[in-house]
């Protein structure tokens, strides 16, 4: 199983993410159990292409699970929908989860 986060490359400091902070959060995510082998990755690329690349590289044939921010209107028109593009292009099923996920 691959667990990864893609940082969108940008030169605008407003949109830059701190890679060290993101890596720390990625490493702290709880796993279902020791018997599940998880590869954690952090990359800086265009999200759609990186998700599809990792899916092909890891021979993902069961399921891609992906968070979505659920943008609508102008935000979606300007930024597009990564989740929608992955759903359309992936060779396996894709499950999207509205983020942020809130536990009850």
Protein backbone atom coordinates (compact mmCIF):
# COMPACT_ATOMS: atom_id res chain seq x y z
CA UNK A 1 0.00 0.00 0.00
CA UNK A 2 1.31 3.46 -0.85
CA UNK A 3 0.31 6.45 1.23
CA UNK A 4 1.44 9.73 -0.21
CA UNK A 5 0.89 13.44 -0.43
CA UNK A 6 1.62 15.59 -3.46
CA UNK A 7 2.75 19.16 -2.91
CA UNK A 8 1.74 21.36 -5.83
CA UNK A 9 4.83 23.11 -7.22
CA UNK A 10 4.44 26.89 -7.01
CA UNK A 11 6.61 29.94 -6.62
CA UNK A 12 3.91 31.85 -4.78
CA UNK A 13 4.77 31.74 -1.05
CA UNK A 14 1.06 32.04 -0.19
CA UNK A 15 0.42 28.56 -1.66
CA UNK A 16 3.67 26.85 -0.67
CA UNK A 17 3.46 24.04 1.82
CA UNK A 18 6.22 23.30 4.30
CA UNK A 19 7.52 19.90 3.19
CA UNK A 20 8.94 19.09 6.64
CA UNK A 21 5.57 19.77 8.30
CA UNK A 22 3.69 17.71 5.70
CA UNK A 23 6.19 14.82 6.04
CA UNK A 24 5.77 14.89 9.84
CA UNK A 25 1.97 14.66 9.52
CA UNK A 26 2.27 11.89 6.93
CA UNK A 27 4.54 9.87 9.22
CA UNK A 28 2.15 10.30 12.17
CA UNK A 29 -0.90 8.89 10.41
CA UNK A 30 -2.03 5.72 12.20
CA UNK A 31 -1.99 2.47 10.23
CA UNK A 32 -4.52 -0.36 10.57
CA UNK A 33 -1.95 -2.84 11.88
CA UNK A 34 1.63 -4.05 11.73
CA UNK A 35 0.72 -6.70 9.13
CA UNK A 36 -0.09 -3.97 6.56
CA UNK A 37 3.05 -2.81 4.73
CA UNK A 38 2.78 0.89 3.96
CA UNK A 39 5.13 2.94 1.82
CA UNK A 40 4.92 6.65 2.68
CA UNK A 41 5.87 9.20 0.01
CA UNK A 42 5.98 12.96 -0.29
CA UNK A 43 6.49 14.44 -3.73
CA UNK A 44 6.30 17.84 -5.38
CA UNK A 45 4.66 17.44 -8.75
CA UNK A 46 1.39 18.00 -10.56
CA UNK A 47 -1.10 15.96 -8.47
CA UNK A 48 -3.11 14.25 -11.23
CA UNK A 49 -0.04 12.98 -13.04
CA UNK A 50 1.72 11.92 -9.83
CA UNK A 51 -1.29 10.00 -8.53
CA UNK A 52 -1.67 8.15 -11.82
CA UNK A 53 2.10 7.55 -12.01
CA UNK A 54 2.25 6.04 -8.50
CA UNK A 55 -0.84 3.92 -9.22
CA UNK A 56 0.84 2.49 -12.33
CA UNK A 57 4.23 2.10 -10.61
CA UNK A 58 2.76 0.19 -7.68
CA UNK A 59 0.42 -1.84 -9.92
CA UNK A 60 -2.63 -0.46 -8.11
CA UNK A 61 -5.43 -2.64 -9.35
CA UNK A 62 -7.80 -2.68 -6.41
CA UNK A 63 -8.57 0.88 -5.34
CA UNK A 64 -7.28 4.44 -5.19
CA UNK A 65 -8.60 6.34 -2.17
CA UNK A 66 -8.31 10.09 -2.53
CA UNK A 67 -9.37 13.11 -0.55
CA UNK A 68 -11.28 15.88 -2.27
CA UNK A 69 -11.93 19.44 -1.18
CA UNK A 70 -15.23 19.59 -3.01
CA UNK A 71 -14.61 22.91 -4.77
CA UNK A 72 -17.48 24.31 -6.78
CA UNK A 73 -18.06 27.31 -8.99
CA UNK A 74 -15.12 29.62 -9.71
CA UNK A 75 -12.65 27.65 -7.55
CA UNK A 76 -13.32 24.50 -9.53
CA UNK A 77 -13.22 26.34 -12.86
CA UNK A 78 -9.87 27.93 -12.05
CA UNK A 79 -8.19 25.03 -10.26
CA UNK A 80 -10.01 22.08 -11.79
CA UNK A 81 -10.79 18.93 -9.90
CA UNK A 82 -7.87 16.60 -9.32
CA UNK A 83 -10.24 13.93 -8.01
CA UNK A 84 -12.44 14.16 -11.10
CA UNK A 85 -9.45 13.85 -13.44
CA UNK A 86 -8.11 10.84 -11.52
CA UNK A 87 -11.54 9.17 -11.61
CA UNK A 88 -11.69 9.66 -15.38
CA UNK A 89 -8.13 8.48 -16.10
CA UNK A 90 -7.39 5.76 -13.54
CA UNK A 91 -7.36 2.14 -14.63
CA UNK A 92 -8.84 0.96 -11.31
CA UNK A 93 -11.74 2.14 -9.11
CA UNK A 94 -11.34 5.46 -7.26
CA UNK A 95 -12.99 6.28 -3.94
CA UNK A 96 -13.14 9.98 -3.09
CA UNK A 97 -13.52 11.20 0.48
CA UNK A 98 -14.64 14.76 1.23
CA UNK A 99 -11.96 16.53 3.22
CA UNK A 100 -11.47 17.53 5.88
CA UNK A 101 -12.81 14.34 7.39
CA UNK A 102 -14.38 14.95 10.80
CA UNK A 103 -14.76 12.16 13.28
CA UNK A 104 -17.97 12.18 15.34
